[in-house]
Protein backbone atom coordinates (compact mmCIF):
# COMPACT_ATOMS: atom_id res chain seq x y z
CA MET A 1 10.67 15.14 -32.47
CA VAL A 2 9.88 11.63 -31.22
CA ILE A 3 12.22 9.71 -28.90
CA PHE A 4 12.89 5.99 -28.83
CA TRP A 5 14.58 4.93 -25.60
CA PHE A 6 16.74 1.78 -25.91
CA ARG A 7 17.04 -0.30 -22.74
CA ARG A 8 16.97 -4.12 -22.71
CA ASP A 9 16.43 -4.26 -26.47
CA LEU A 10 19.79 -3.31 -27.95
CA ARG A 11 19.16 -4.16 -31.59
CA LEU A 12 17.68 -2.47 -34.65
CA ASN A 13 15.99 -5.58 -36.07
CA ASP A 14 12.73 -7.09 -34.81
CA ASN A 15 12.28 -4.52 -32.05
CA ALA A 16 8.62 -3.93 -31.14
CA GLY A 17 8.84 -0.46 -29.62
CA LEU A 18 11.27 0.77 -32.24
CA TYR A 19 9.06 -0.58 -35.03
CA HIS A 20 6.02 1.33 -33.75
CA ALA A 21 8.03 4.51 -33.18
CA LEU A 22 9.43 4.45 -36.74
CA LYS A 23 6.24 3.32 -38.45
CA GLU A 24 4.05 5.93 -36.79
CA ASN A 25 6.41 8.92 -36.84
CA LYS A 26 9.19 10.75 -38.62
CA GLU A 27 12.27 12.28 -36.98
CA VAL A 28 12.73 9.51 -34.40
CA LEU A 29 15.68 10.28 -32.13
CA PRO A 30 17.18 7.10 -30.57
CA ILE A 31 18.71 7.45 -27.10
CA PHE A 32 20.38 5.26 -24.49
CA ILE A 33 21.00 6.12 -20.84
CA PHE A 34 23.81 4.65 -18.74
CA ASP A 35 21.72 4.84 -15.59
CA LYS A 36 23.59 6.27 -12.60
CA ASN A 37 20.98 4.80 -10.25
CA ILE A 38 22.14 1.33 -11.32
CA LEU A 39 25.82 1.83 -12.16
CA GLU A 40 26.75 3.70 -8.99
CA LYS A 41 25.67 0.69 -6.91
CA LEU A 42 28.09 -1.69 -8.65
CA SER A 43 31.09 -2.47 -6.47
CA ALA A 44 33.50 -3.75 -9.15
CA LYS A 45 34.90 -1.04 -11.40
CA ASP A 46 35.89 -3.69 -13.97
CA ASP A 47 32.35 -5.14 -14.05
CA ALA A 48 32.23 -7.32 -17.17
CA ARG A 49 28.60 -6.44 -17.87
CA VAL A 50 29.35 -2.73 -18.04
CA SER A 51 32.18 -3.41 -20.52
CA PHE A 52 29.86 -5.63 -22.57
CA LEU A 53 27.12 -3.00 -22.49
CA HIS A 54 29.57 -0.28 -23.52
CA ASN A 55 30.79 -2.37 -26.48
CA THR A 56 27.20 -3.11 -27.48
CA ILE A 57 26.22 0.56 -27.36
CA SER A 58 29.30 1.44 -29.41
CA HIS A 59 28.23 -1.09 -32.06
CA LEU A 60 24.62 0.15 -32.05
CA LYS A 61 25.82 3.73 -32.40
CA LYS A 62 27.92 2.80 -35.45
CA GLU A 63 24.97 0.95 -37.00
CA LEU A 64 22.82 4.04 -36.66
CA GLN A 65 25.56 6.30 -38.00
CA ALA A 66 25.85 4.02 -41.05
CA ILE A 67 22.23 4.82 -41.97
CA GLY A 68 22.65 8.56 -41.43
CA SER A 69 21.41 8.81 -37.85
CA ASP A 70 23.11 8.57 -34.46
CA LEU A 71 22.48 7.28 -30.96
CA GLN A 72 22.47 9.95 -28.26
CA VAL A 73 24.04 8.43 -25.15
CA PHE A 74 23.82 9.85 -21.63
CA TYR A 75 25.38 9.04 -18.27
CA ASP A 76 22.91 10.34 -15.71
CA THR A 77 19.66 9.46 -13.97
CA PRO A 78 16.77 8.96 -16.41
CA LEU A 79 14.75 11.80 -14.86
CA ASN A 80 17.62 14.26 -15.30
CA VAL A 81 18.04 13.18 -18.93
CA TYR A 82 14.38 13.77 -19.72
CA LYS A 83 14.41 17.14 -18.00
CA LYS A 84 17.26 18.17 -20.33
CA LEU A 85 15.73 16.62 -23.46
CA THR A 86 12.38 18.32 -22.98
CA VAL A 87 14.16 21.69 -22.79
CA GLU A 88 16.39 21.00 -25.81
CA TYR A 89 13.75 19.50 -28.12
CA ASN A 90 10.08 19.89 -28.86
CA ILE A 91 9.23 16.29 -27.93
CA GLU A 92 5.90 14.94 -29.13
CA LYS A 93 6.10 11.34 -27.82
CA VAL A 94 8.48 8.90 -26.13
CA TYR A 95 8.49 5.21 -27.05
CA THR A 96 10.20 2.37 -25.24
CA ASN A 97 9.82 -1.36 -24.49
CA ARG A 98 8.42 -2.43 -21.15
CA ASP A 99 10.49 -3.84 -18.30
CA TYR A 100 8.96 -5.79 -15.39
CA GLU A 101 11.54 -5.46 -12.62
CA PRO A 102 10.56 -3.39 -9.54
CA TYR A 103 13.24 -0.73 -10.13
CA ALA A 104 12.26 -0.44 -13.79
CA GLN A 105 8.57 -0.13 -12.89
CA ASN A 106 9.31 2.69 -10.44
CA ARG A 107 11.67 4.42 -12.90
CA ASP A 108 9.09 4.29 -15.67
CA LYS A 109 6.35 5.64 -13.42
CA GLU A 110 8.62 8.56 -12.53
CA ILE A 111 9.28 9.30 -16.22
CA PHE A 112 5.60 8.83 -17.11
CA ASP A 113 4.54 11.28 -14.38
CA PHE A 114 7.13 13.84 -15.45
CA LEU A 115 6.25 13.64 -19.15
CA ASN A 116 2.56 13.72 -18.27
CA THR A 117 2.99 17.19 -16.74
CA LEU A 118 4.16 18.33 -20.20
CA ASN A 119 1.39 16.40 -22.02
CA ILE A 120 3.96 14.13 -23.67
CA PRO A 121 2.73 10.52 -24.12
CA PHE A 122 5.05 7.80 -22.79
CA ILE A 123 4.31 4.70 -24.87
CA GLY A 124 5.49 1.23 -23.82
CA LYS A 125 5.47 -1.88 -25.99
CA LYS A 126 6.01 -5.59 -25.28
CA ASP A 127 9.33 -6.86 -26.61
CA HIS A 128 11.24 -8.64 -23.83
CA VAL A 129 8.86 -11.62 -23.53
CA ILE A 130 6.25 -13.46 -25.62
CA PHE A 131 3.50 -13.16 -23.02
CA GLU A 132 3.56 -10.49 -20.31
CA LYS A 133 1.70 -9.44 -17.18
CA ASN A 134 -1.89 -10.72 -17.47
CA GLU A 135 -1.73 -12.47 -20.83
CA VAL A 136 -1.49 -16.00 -19.39
CA LEU A 137 -3.86 -16.38 -16.44
CA LYS A 138 -5.90 -19.09 -14.76
CA LYS A 139 -9.66 -19.24 -15.37
CA ASP A 140 -10.25 -17.32 -12.14
CA GLY A 141 -8.10 -14.46 -13.45
CA LYS A 142 -5.20 -15.14 -11.06
CA PRO A 143 -1.61 -15.69 -12.20
CA TYR A 144 -0.21 -19.19 -12.45
CA THR A 145 2.34 -20.10 -9.80
CA VAL A 146 3.10 -23.60 -11.12
CA PHE A 147 5.09 -23.91 -14.32
CA THR A 148 3.55 -26.95 -16.04
CA PRO A 149 -0.05 -25.65 -16.34
CA TYR A 150 1.34 -22.20 -17.21
CA SER A 151 3.44 -23.67 -20.00
CA LYS A 152 0.47 -25.60 -21.42
CA ILE A 153 -1.65 -22.45 -21.66
CA TRP A 154 1.38 -20.51 -22.97
CA LYS A 155 1.77 -23.04 -25.81
CA SER A 156 -1.96 -23.19 -26.55
CA GLN A 157 -2.11 -19.39 -26.88
CA LEU A 158 1.00 -19.10 -29.05
CA THR A 159 -0.04 -18.02 -32.53
CA HIS A 160 1.74 -16.25 -35.34
CA TYR A 161 0.43 -12.96 -33.95
CA TYR A 162 2.59 -13.31 -30.81
CA ASN A 163 5.55 -14.77 -32.62
CA GLN A 164 5.91 -12.66 -35.75
CA SER A 165 8.92 -10.44 -36.26
CA TYR A 166 8.70 -6.65 -36.55
CA PRO A 167 10.22 -5.43 -39.87
CA THR A 168 11.84 -2.29 -38.48
CA GLU A 169 14.22 -1.95 -41.45
CA LYS A 170 11.29 -0.91 -43.68
CA TYR A 171 11.13 2.39 -41.77
CA PHE A 172 14.78 3.24 -41.15
CA ASN A 173 14.35 6.43 -43.18
CA ASN A 174 12.23 7.76 -40.32
CA PHE A 175 15.22 7.94 -37.97
CA ASN A 176 16.37 11.44 -37.16
CA GLN A 177 19.08 12.29 -39.73
CA ASN A 178 22.20 13.54 -38.01
CA SER A 179 25.42 14.40 -39.83
CA ASN A 180 27.02 15.80 -36.64
CA THR A 181 27.72 12.48 -34.95
CA SER A 182 28.89 12.42 -31.33
CA GLU A 183 31.62 10.46 -29.58
CA LEU A 184 30.53 7.76 -27.14
CA ILE A 185 31.25 8.52 -23.49
CA SER A 186 34.23 6.42 -22.34
CA LEU A 187 34.17 3.78 -19.64
CA SER A 188 36.69 5.77 -17.60
CA ALA A 189 34.50 8.87 -17.72
CA MET A 190 31.82 6.80 -15.96
CA GLY A 191 34.31 5.52 -13.39
CA PHE A 192 34.74 2.05 -14.91
CA GLU A 193 37.56 0.18 -16.60
CA LYS A 194 37.56 -2.47 -19.29
CA SER A 195 37.02 -6.00 -17.96
CA LYS A 196 39.26 -8.91 -18.89
CA ILE A 197 36.16 -11.16 -18.91
CA THR A 198 34.29 -11.34 -22.20
CA ALA A 199 30.82 -12.68 -22.92
CA PRO A 200 30.53 -16.32 -24.02
CA GLU A 201 29.90 -16.78 -27.73
CA PHE A 202 26.40 -18.00 -28.43
CA ASN A 203 25.83 -21.04 -30.62
CA LEU A 204 22.52 -21.56 -32.39
CA SER A 205 23.68 -24.35 -34.66
CA LYS A 206 21.26 -27.14 -35.59
CA GLU A 207 23.52 -29.60 -33.76
CA ILE A 208 23.23 -27.68 -30.48
CA LEU A 209 19.49 -27.16 -30.75
CA ASN A 210 18.58 -30.65 -31.99
CA ASN A 211 20.60 -32.34 -29.23
CA TYR A 212 19.82 -29.86 -26.47
CA HIS A 213 17.58 -32.27 -24.52
CA LYS A 214 20.36 -34.90 -24.49
CA ASN A 215 23.36 -32.68 -23.76
CA ARG A 216 22.11 -29.74 -21.69
CA ASP A 217 22.91 -31.30 -18.30
CA ILE A 218 26.52 -32.22 -19.08
CA PRO A 219 28.74 -29.26 -18.15
CA ALA A 220 31.85 -30.58 -19.95
CA LEU A 221 30.02 -30.49 -23.29
CA GLN A 222 29.24 -27.48 -25.44
CA GLY A 223 25.61 -28.55 -25.19
CA THR A 224 23.81 -25.27 -24.62
CA SER A 225 23.28 -22.20 -26.80
CA LYS A 226 24.66 -19.62 -24.31
CA ILE A 227 22.11 -17.07 -25.52
CA SER A 228 21.15 -15.92 -22.01
CA VAL A 229 23.36 -12.81 -21.88
CA TYR A 230 22.20 -11.79 -25.37
CA LEU A 231 18.55 -12.18 -24.38
CA ARG A 232 19.24 -10.32 -21.14
CA PHE A 233 20.39 -7.22 -23.00
CA GLY A 234 18.15 -7.74 -26.00
CA LEU A 235 20.81 -8.25 -28.67
CA ILE A 236 18.64 -11.04 -30.02
CA SER A 237 14.87 -11.25 -30.27
CA ILE A 238 12.85 -13.61 -28.08
CA ARG A 239 10.44 -14.06 -31.00
CA GLU A 240 13.28 -15.25 -33.25
CA MET A 241 14.43 -17.68 -30.55
CA VAL A 242 10.94 -19.13 -30.11
CA GLN A 243 10.67 -19.60 -33.88
CA LYS A 244 13.92 -21.59 -33.78
CA ALA A 245 12.79 -23.61 -30.78
CA LEU A 246 9.54 -24.57 -32.49
CA LEU A 247 11.55 -25.91 -35.41
CA HIS A 248 14.16 -27.79 -33.40
CA ASN A 249 13.57 -28.70 -29.76
CA GLU A 250 10.67 -28.54 -27.29
CA THR A 251 12.99 -28.83 -24.28
CA TRP A 252 14.76 -25.66 -25.42
CA LEU A 253 11.36 -24.01 -25.94
CA ASN A 254 10.45 -24.90 -22.35
CA GLU A 255 13.53 -23.06 -21.11
CA LEU A 256 12.37 -19.94 -22.97
CA ILE A 257 8.93 -20.38 -21.40
CA TRP A 258 10.54 -20.57 -17.92
CA ARG A 259 11.99 -17.14 -18.70
CA ASP A 260 8.52 -15.71 -19.43
CA PHE A 261 7.17 -17.48 -16.33
CA TYR A 262 9.71 -15.90 -13.99
CA GLN A 263 9.20 -12.45 -15.53
CA MET A 264 5.46 -12.83 -14.92
CA ILE A 265 6.01 -14.02 -11.34
CA LEU A 266 8.25 -11.04 -10.59
CA PHE A 267 5.66 -8.66 -12.02
CA HIS A 268 2.80 -10.11 -9.94
CA PHE A 269 4.82 -10.89 -6.79
CA PRO A 270 7.52 -8.19 -6.46
CA HIS A 271 7.89 -9.04 -2.75
CA SER A 272 9.79 -12.17 -3.87
CA VAL A 273 12.88 -10.03 -4.52
CA GLU A 274 13.50 -9.64 -0.79
CA LYS A 275 11.21 -12.20 0.83
CA SER A 276 10.27 -15.81 0.26
CA PHE A 277 7.50 -16.36 -2.24
CA LYS A 278 6.02 -18.73 0.37
CA PRO A 279 6.00 -16.57 3.54
CA GLN A 280 6.43 -19.48 5.97
CA TYR A 281 9.91 -20.07 4.55
CA ASP A 282 11.04 -16.75 6.03
CA ASN A 283 10.94 -18.57 9.38
CA ILE A 284 13.92 -20.79 8.58
CA PRO A 285 16.72 -20.10 11.10
CA TRP A 286 19.66 -19.81 8.70
CA GLU A 287 23.10 -20.47 10.18
CA ASN A 288 24.81 -17.96 7.86
CA ASN A 289 28.32 -19.12 8.74
CA GLU A 290 30.55 -16.50 7.09
CA THR A 291 33.55 -18.83 6.83
CA HIS A 292 31.45 -21.42 5.03
CA PHE A 293 30.06 -18.72 2.74
CA GLU A 294 33.57 -17.57 1.87
CA LYS A 295 34.63 -21.15 1.06
CA TRP A 296 31.56 -21.50 -1.16
CA CYS A 297 32.33 -18.23 -2.97
CA GLU A 298 35.94 -19.26 -3.58
CA GLY A 299 35.12 -22.79 -4.70
CA LYS A 300 36.86 -24.47 -1.76
CA THR A 301 34.09 -26.53 -0.16
CA GLY A 302 35.67 -29.92 -0.88
CA TYR A 303 32.77 -30.86 -3.16
CA PRO A 304 34.16 -30.82 -6.72
CA MET A 305 30.93 -30.09 -8.61
CA VAL A 306 30.22 -27.12 -6.34
CA ASP A 307 33.78 -25.84 -6.45
CA ALA A 308 34.18 -26.18 -10.21
CA GLY A 309 30.99 -24.23 -10.73
CA MET A 310 31.99 -21.40 -8.41
CA ARG A 311 35.45 -21.15 -9.98
CA GLU A 312 33.91 -21.10 -13.46
CA LEU A 313 31.62 -18.28 -12.33
CA ASN A 314 34.44 -16.25 -10.78
CA ALA A 315 36.69 -16.65 -13.83
CA THR A 316 34.16 -16.23 -16.65
CA GLY A 317 30.94 -14.71 -15.32
CA PHE A 318 29.13 -17.84 -16.50
CA MET A 319 28.01 -21.07 -14.87
CA HIS A 320 26.37 -24.09 -16.45
CA ASN A 321 22.68 -24.30 -15.48
CA ARG A 322 22.87 -27.80 -13.97
CA VAL A 323 25.76 -26.62 -11.82
CA ARG A 324 23.85 -23.50 -10.78
CA MET A 325 21.24 -25.80 -9.24
CA VAL A 326 23.91 -27.87 -7.48
CA THR A 327 25.76 -24.86 -6.04
CA ALA A 328 22.53 -23.17 -4.93
CA SER A 329 21.19 -26.30 -3.30
CA PHE A 330 24.50 -26.83 -1.50
CA LEU A 331 24.54 -23.29 -0.08
CA THR A 332 20.95 -23.30 1.13
CA LYS A 333 20.62 -26.92 2.26
CA HIS A 334 24.09 -28.25 3.16
CA LEU A 335 25.33 -24.98 4.64
CA LEU A 336 21.97 -23.52 5.73
CA ILE A 337 22.92 -20.12 4.39
CA ASP A 338 20.15 -17.70 3.40
CA TRP A 339 19.35 -17.94 -0.31
CA LYS A 340 19.55 -14.13 -0.51
CA TRP A 341 23.31 -14.30 0.17
CA GLY A 342 23.80 -16.59 -2.81
CA GLU A 343 21.38 -14.64 -4.99
CA ARG A 344 23.32 -11.42 -4.38
CA TYR A 345 26.64 -13.11 -5.11
CA PHE A 346 25.30 -14.41 -8.42
CA ALA A 347 23.86 -10.95 -9.10
CA GLU A 348 27.37 -9.48 -8.77
CA LYS A 349 29.10 -12.13 -10.87
CA LEU A 350 26.75 -13.49 -13.54
CA PHE A 351 27.18 -12.11 -17.05
CA ASP A 352 23.59 -13.05 -17.82
CA PHE A 353 22.22 -11.78 -14.51
CA ASP A 354 18.49 -11.34 -14.84
CA LEU A 355 16.65 -10.49 -11.64
CA ALA A 356 13.52 -12.53 -12.37
CA SER A 357 15.39 -15.72 -13.33
CA ASN A 358 17.99 -15.33 -10.58
CA ILE A 359 15.36 -14.87 -7.87
CA GLY A 360 13.31 -17.71 -9.35
CA GLY A 361 16.28 -20.08 -9.52
CA TRP A 362 17.48 -19.37 -6.00
CA GLN A 363 14.05 -19.66 -4.45
CA TRP A 364 13.55 -22.90 -6.36
CA ALA A 365 16.74 -24.31 -4.81
CA ALA A 366 15.83 -23.04 -1.34
CA SER A 367 12.31 -24.52 -1.70
CA SER A 368 10.83 -21.12 -0.82
CA GLY A 369 9.70 -20.14 -4.32
CA CYS A 370 6.77 -20.87 -6.58
CA ASP A 371 6.84 -24.39 -8.02
CA ALA A 372 10.04 -25.02 -6.06
CA ALA A 373 11.80 -28.26 -5.21
CA PRO A 374 10.28 -29.67 -1.97
CA TYR A 375 12.33 -28.85 1.12
CA PHE A 376 13.31 -32.49 1.62
CA ARG A 377 14.88 -32.63 -1.84
CA VAL A 378 18.58 -32.11 -1.18
CA PHE A 379 20.94 -32.59 -4.11
CA ASN A 380 23.80 -34.96 -3.36
CA PRO A 381 26.71 -33.04 -4.94
CA SER A 382 28.86 -36.17 -5.19
CA GLU A 383 26.07 -38.03 -6.98
CA GLN A 384 25.59 -35.07 -9.33
CA HIS A 385 29.32 -35.23 -10.06
CA ARG A 386 29.17 -38.97 -10.85
CA LYS A 387 26.07 -38.61 -12.98
CA PHE A 388 26.91 -35.51 -15.05
CA ASP A 389 30.73 -35.44 -15.09
CA PRO A 390 31.75 -39.10 -14.72
CA ASN A 391 35.13 -38.59 -16.41
CA ASP A 392 35.97 -35.47 -14.36
CA LYS A 393 36.44 -33.43 -17.52
CA TYR A 394 34.56 -30.39 -16.21
CA ILE A 395 35.98 -30.79 -12.71
CA LYS A 396 39.60 -30.93 -13.88
CA LYS A 397 39.16 -27.92 -16.13
CA TRP A 398 38.37 -25.72 -13.14
CA ILE A 399 40.12 -27.57 -10.29
CA PRO A 400 43.68 -28.35 -11.41
CA GLU A 401 44.54 -29.65 -7.91
CA PHE A 402 41.65 -32.14 -7.95
CA GLY A 403 42.84 -35.58 -6.83
CA THR A 404 45.87 -34.22 -4.97
CA HIS A 405 46.41 -33.49 -1.28
CA GLN A 406 46.08 -29.78 -2.09
CA TYR A 407 42.35 -30.13 -2.73
CA PRO A 408 40.44 -29.41 0.51
CA GLU A 409 38.46 -31.92 2.52
CA PRO A 410 34.66 -31.42 2.51
CA ILE A 411 33.62 -28.64 4.89
CA VAL A 412 30.49 -30.61 5.85
CA GLU A 413 29.55 -34.28 5.62
CA HIS A 414 26.72 -34.85 3.14
CA LYS A 415 24.53 -37.27 5.06
CA THR A 416 24.71 -35.27 8.29
CA ALA A 417 24.15 -31.93 6.53
CA ARG A 418 21.22 -33.30 4.53
CA GLN A 419 19.43 -34.60 7.62
CA LYS A 420 20.12 -31.35 9.50
CA ALA A 421 18.63 -29.32 6.63
CA ILE A 422 15.51 -31.47 6.49
CA ASP A 423 15.03 -31.29 10.27
CA THR A 424 15.63 -27.52 10.32
CA TYR A 425 13.15 -26.86 7.53
CA LYS A 426 10.58 -29.24 8.99
CA GLU A 427 10.73 -27.60 12.43
CA ALA A 428 10.53 -24.06 11.00
CA LEU A 429 7.60 -24.87 8.74
CA ARG A 430 5.71 -26.59 11.55
CA GLY A 431 5.47 -23.28 13.40
């Protein structure tokens, strides 16, 4: 028996690890683990991502049942699952796709070490990104920490070899055949309930892709593909997306490259999860005013672009990327609140939460990350409003009281807050 372990790759088509497992073996048993180490830390029992994941696993299970197999699903810690599986089956190998987050790295080392004691190979493949780990490096062998030169090398190295799809369907007959299909564990059995929030529909139409560079910064328009949550959980293939980007829009391709870049940064610099990428930025004396933080979370700062974004996030689990930059800049610069507070709030709320991109985005806004905005760059939220939502279409969608006396006054004055942020950063960095 050979195991394929689904994780952030929840699809049968164009799946690197699954392709190799099926091509090289017979009797491949597919499994998925609802990981207690992760789920038990979630505070909201109606977490939209857990509902989405549960629906996705249900669909994947039915797909496998339709071809005569089944997906074995567990709710436990990965180590406990493998201890049970190695007793129940004579396991020859375990295949999976690699993950680059610190928790995932530690989890996989634990599973590798356990399986190694039983002489069972644990085989990882690259599926989540186009280039991983050490595949795009500077001439001195060190990782890039600036996006533009990284992206140039990334593009120069991109060949059909890195971009080709894996024809898994050719080997579906090598799945373990199972006529005794099992019921999927319910959300309630895991201590969760169905969320009212559903994932945004993705749109890969030619119109969206061809006009992406013109429309992507306008939050009132349907100008982006909304594929992020589907890439996050691997319902769609990054290789397929890059193929589309090469046909339609280089700006969209660059966004996919940013994703690879941040995954690589997280792999090489795992300290950036908890500390500033640039150590001197840990010296900034954050004010961390809890009342201000609460107003920011609720979308009641008196700055419409910030407030609309936060209300969109709270209601839908999604926020337009331009607005993510505005809200993050406002929290870290106008309010002088530690970027980690905002990063954790986004981590709780975002449907497409991806640790590498979330850390990268927040440290970019706080000026503490690699290739970040300089500390003296402070977004003017009112100017962002005028520039990207001049007709208030986005604002009015999320702030029905906008323009009335019910809408709050600004909690800080822009010019004063901007100068205070610059002075605070400058003083901290001088030391």
